[in-house]
Amino acid sequence: MKNTEALREAVIRNLKIIYDPEIPVNIYDLGLIYHIEINENGKVEILMTLTSPNCPVAESLPQEVHDTLLPIEGITEVSIELTFEPAWNPDSLSDEAKLALGML
């Protein structure tokens, strides 16, 4: 269990280095990551969305998430599921993101 928590922290740390190309906020604080599941074998499952179904990085952003997480020590596999239900909206922003965007 402790190892899974350490991996979860590493996953979140790495997600925070990936930025949306149109909004100067990382995808984690932007609220694009809906769910992170890590099993005892090091498989990571990510449920994520995009700011819009027509997002210009719809194909490349999930691959970037995959490629950023796979090198983490202890991660054996990364599975990305893209969803648009529920649709992303600005309420998904973290307080840190709202502050960065001048919304607080």
C-alpha atoms as a PDB file:
ATOM      1  CA  MET A   1       0.000   0.000   0.000  1.00  0.00           C
ATOM      2  CA  LYS A   2       2.781   2.432   0.906  1.00  0.00           C
ATOM      3  CA  ASN A   3       4.492   1.761  -2.420  1.00  0.00           C
ATOM      4  CA  THR A   4       1.243   2.521  -4.239  1.00  0.00           C
ATOM      5  CA  GLU A   5       0.966   5.860  -2.417  1.00  0.00           C
ATOM      6  CA  ALA A   6       4.557   6.756  -3.366  1.00  0.00           C
ATOM      7  CA  LEU A   7       3.801   5.860  -6.982  1.00  0.00           C
ATOM      8  CA  ARG A   8       0.629   7.960  -6.880  1.00  0.00           C
ATOM      9  CA  GLU A   9       2.631  10.967  -5.666  1.00  0.00           C
ATOM     10  CA  ALA A  10       5.180  10.420  -8.451  1.00  0.00           C
ATOM     11  CA  VAL A  11       2.397  10.128 -11.041  1.00  0.00           C
ATOM     12  CA  ILE A  12       0.822  13.395  -9.881  1.00  0.00           C
ATOM     13  CA  ARG A  13       4.221  15.119  -9.835  1.00  0.00           C
ATOM     14  CA  ASN A  14       4.828  14.046 -13.436  1.00  0.00           C
ATOM     15  CA  LEU A  15       1.316  15.013 -14.557  1.00  0.00           C
ATOM     16  CA  LYS A  16       1.995  18.501 -13.232  1.00  0.00           C
ATOM     17  CA  ILE A  17       4.793  18.995 -15.780  1.00  0.00           C
ATOM     18  CA  ILE A  18       2.387  18.528 -18.714  1.00  0.00           C
ATOM     19  CA  TYR A  19       0.724  21.778 -19.736  1.00  0.00           C
ATOM     20  CA  ASP A  20      -2.344  22.405 -21.821  1.00  0.00           C
ATOM     21  CA  PRO A  21      -1.149  24.178 -24.984  1.00  0.00           C
ATOM     22  CA  GLU A  22      -3.873  26.829 -24.811  1.00  0.00           C
ATOM     23  CA  ILE A  23      -4.105  27.492 -21.063  1.00  0.00           C
ATOM     24  CA  PRO A  24      -0.930  28.106 -19.025  1.00  0.00           C
ATOM     25  CA  VAL A  25      -1.862  25.513 -16.382  1.00  0.00           C
ATOM     26  CA  ASN A  26      -0.759  21.912 -15.983  1.00  0.00           C
ATOM     27  CA  ILE A  27      -3.287  19.215 -16.847  1.00  0.00           C
ATOM     28  CA  TYR A  28      -3.609  17.994 -13.248  1.00  0.00           C
ATOM     29  CA  ASP A  29      -4.508  21.406 -11.794  1.00  0.00           C
ATOM     30  CA  LEU A  30      -6.638  22.105 -14.848  1.00  0.00           C
ATOM     31  CA  GLY A  31      -8.825  19.201 -13.752  1.00  0.00           C
ATOM     32  CA  LEU A  32      -8.291  17.093 -16.863  1.00  0.00           C
ATOM     33  CA  ILE A  33      -7.376  14.025 -14.786  1.00  0.00           C
ATOM     34  CA  TYR A  34     -10.567  12.475 -13.456  1.00  0.00           C
ATOM     35  CA  HIS A  35      -9.154   9.324 -11.890  1.00  0.00           C
ATOM     36  CA  ILE A  36      -5.824   7.642 -11.142  1.00  0.00           C
ATOM     37  CA  GLU A  37      -5.746   3.945 -10.286  1.00  0.00           C
ATOM     38  CA  ILE A  38      -2.514   2.115  -9.492  1.00  0.00           C
ATOM     39  CA  ASN A  39      -2.520  -1.599  -8.797  1.00  0.00           C
ATOM     40  CA  GLU A  40       0.005  -3.578  -6.758  1.00  0.00           C
ATOM     41  CA  ASN A  41       1.820  -4.639  -9.946  1.00  0.00           C
ATOM     42  CA  GLY A  42       2.555  -1.031 -10.933  1.00  0.00           C
ATOM     43  CA  LYS A  43      -0.108  -0.715 -13.623  1.00  0.00           C
ATOM     44  CA  VAL A  44      -1.474   2.836 -13.811  1.00  0.00           C
ATOM     45  CA  GLU A  45      -4.902   3.546 -15.224  1.00  0.00           C
ATOM     46  CA  ILE A  46      -5.731   7.166 -15.987  1.00  0.00           C
ATOM     47  CA  LEU A  47      -9.196   8.467 -16.789  1.00  0.00           C
ATOM     48  CA  MET A  48      -8.866  11.891 -18.337  1.00  0.00           C
ATOM     49  CA  THR A  49     -10.650  14.419 -20.461  1.00  0.00           C
ATOM     50  CA  LEU A  50      -9.782  17.421 -22.586  1.00  0.00           C
ATOM     51  CA  THR A  51     -11.073  20.967 -22.356  1.00  0.00           C
ATOM     52  CA  SER A  52     -13.158  20.236 -25.470  1.00  0.00           C
ATOM     53  CA  PRO A  53     -13.724  17.273 -27.799  1.00  0.00           C
ATOM     54  CA  ASN A  54     -12.277  19.430 -30.594  1.00  0.00           C
ATOM     55  CA  CYS A  55      -9.075  20.121 -28.648  1.00  0.00           C
ATOM     56  CA  PRO A  56      -6.116  20.309 -31.053  1.00  0.00           C
ATOM     57  CA  VAL A  57      -4.112  17.909 -28.844  1.00  0.00           C
ATOM     58  CA  ALA A  58      -6.821  15.232 -28.634  1.00  0.00           C
ATOM     59  CA  GLU A  59      -4.491  12.660 -30.144  1.00  0.00           C
ATOM     60  CA  SER A  60      -1.152  13.794 -28.767  1.00  0.00           C
ATOM     61  CA  LEU A  61      -1.985  14.677 -25.132  1.00  0.00           C
ATOM     62  CA  PRO A  62      -2.968  11.152 -23.993  1.00  0.00           C
ATOM     63  CA  GLN A  63       0.229   9.849 -25.604  1.00  0.00           C
ATOM     64  CA  GLU A  64       2.242  12.531 -23.801  1.00  0.00           C
ATOM     65  CA  VAL A  65       0.661  11.449 -20.500  1.00  0.00           C
ATOM     66  CA  HIS A  66       1.570   7.832 -21.269  1.00  0.00           C
ATOM     67  CA  ASP A  67       5.146   8.697 -22.233  1.00  0.00           C
ATOM     68  CA  THR A  68       5.616  10.891 -19.149  1.00  0.00           C
ATOM     69  CA  LEU A  69       4.375   8.280 -16.676  1.00  0.00           C
ATOM     70  CA  LEU A  70       5.882   5.062 -18.050  1.00  0.00           C
ATOM     71  CA  PRO A  71       9.511   5.897 -17.098  1.00  0.00           C
ATOM     72  CA  ILE A  72       8.605   6.307 -13.398  1.00  0.00           C
ATOM     73  CA  GLU A  73      10.395   3.639 -11.397  1.00  0.00           C
ATOM     74  CA  GLY A  74       7.846   1.059 -10.276  1.00  0.00           C
ATOM     75  CA  ILE A  75       5.387   1.757 -13.093  1.00  0.00           C
ATOM     76  CA  THR A  76       5.028  -1.293 -15.316  1.00  0.00           C
ATOM     77  CA  GLU A  77       2.188  -0.245 -17.609  1.00  0.00           C
ATOM     78  CA  VAL A  78       0.136   2.869 -18.340  1.00  0.00           C
ATOM     79  CA  SER A  79      -3.400   2.771 -19.663  1.00  0.00           C
ATOM     80  CA  ILE A  80      -5.153   6.003 -20.687  1.00  0.00           C
ATOM     81  CA  GLU A  81      -8.898   6.283 -21.161  1.00  0.00           C
ATOM     82  CA  LEU A  82     -10.231   9.488 -22.671  1.00  0.00           C
ATOM     83  CA  THR A  83     -13.777  10.521 -21.781  1.00  0.00           C
ATOM     84  CA  PHE A  84     -15.995  13.521 -22.288  1.00  0.00           C
ATOM     85  CA  GLU A  85     -18.554  12.529 -19.658  1.00  0.00           C
ATOM     86  CA  PRO A  86     -18.782  14.611 -17.637  1.00  0.00           C
ATOM     87  CA  ALA A  87     -17.608  17.418 -19.852  1.00  0.00           C
ATOM     88  CA  TRP A  88     -14.740  19.518 -18.512  1.00  0.00           C
ATOM     89  CA  ASN A  89     -15.685  22.950 -17.205  1.00  0.00           C
ATOM     90  CA  PRO A  90     -13.832  25.693 -15.309  1.00  0.00           C
ATOM     91  CA  ASP A  91     -15.210  24.396 -12.000  1.00  0.00           C
ATOM     92  CA  SER A  92     -12.687  21.555 -12.413  1.00  0.00           C
ATOM     93  CA  LEU A  93      -9.772  23.955 -11.890  1.00  0.00           C
ATOM     94  CA  SER A  94      -7.792  23.606  -8.686  1.00  0.00           C
ATOM     95  CA  ASP A  95      -7.482  26.690  -6.474  1.00  0.00           C
ATOM     96  CA  GLU A  96      -3.847  26.921  -7.594  1.00  0.00           C
ATOM     97  CA  ALA A  97      -4.968  27.031 -11.238  1.00  0.00           C
ATOM     98  CA  LYS A  98      -7.677  29.593 -10.490  1.00  0.00           C
ATOM     99  CA  LEU A  99      -5.090  31.769  -8.778  1.00  0.00           C
ATOM    100  CA  ALA A 100      -2.686  31.445 -11.728  1.00  0.00           C
ATOM    101  CA  LEU A 101      -5.457  32.450 -14.120  1.00  0.00           C
ATOM    102  CA  GLY A 102      -6.590  35.382 -11.982  1.00  0.00           C
ATOM    103  CA  MET A 103      -9.906  33.773 -11.100  1.00  0.00           C
ATOM    104  CA  LEU A 104      -9.458  34.002  -7.303  1.00  0.00           C
END
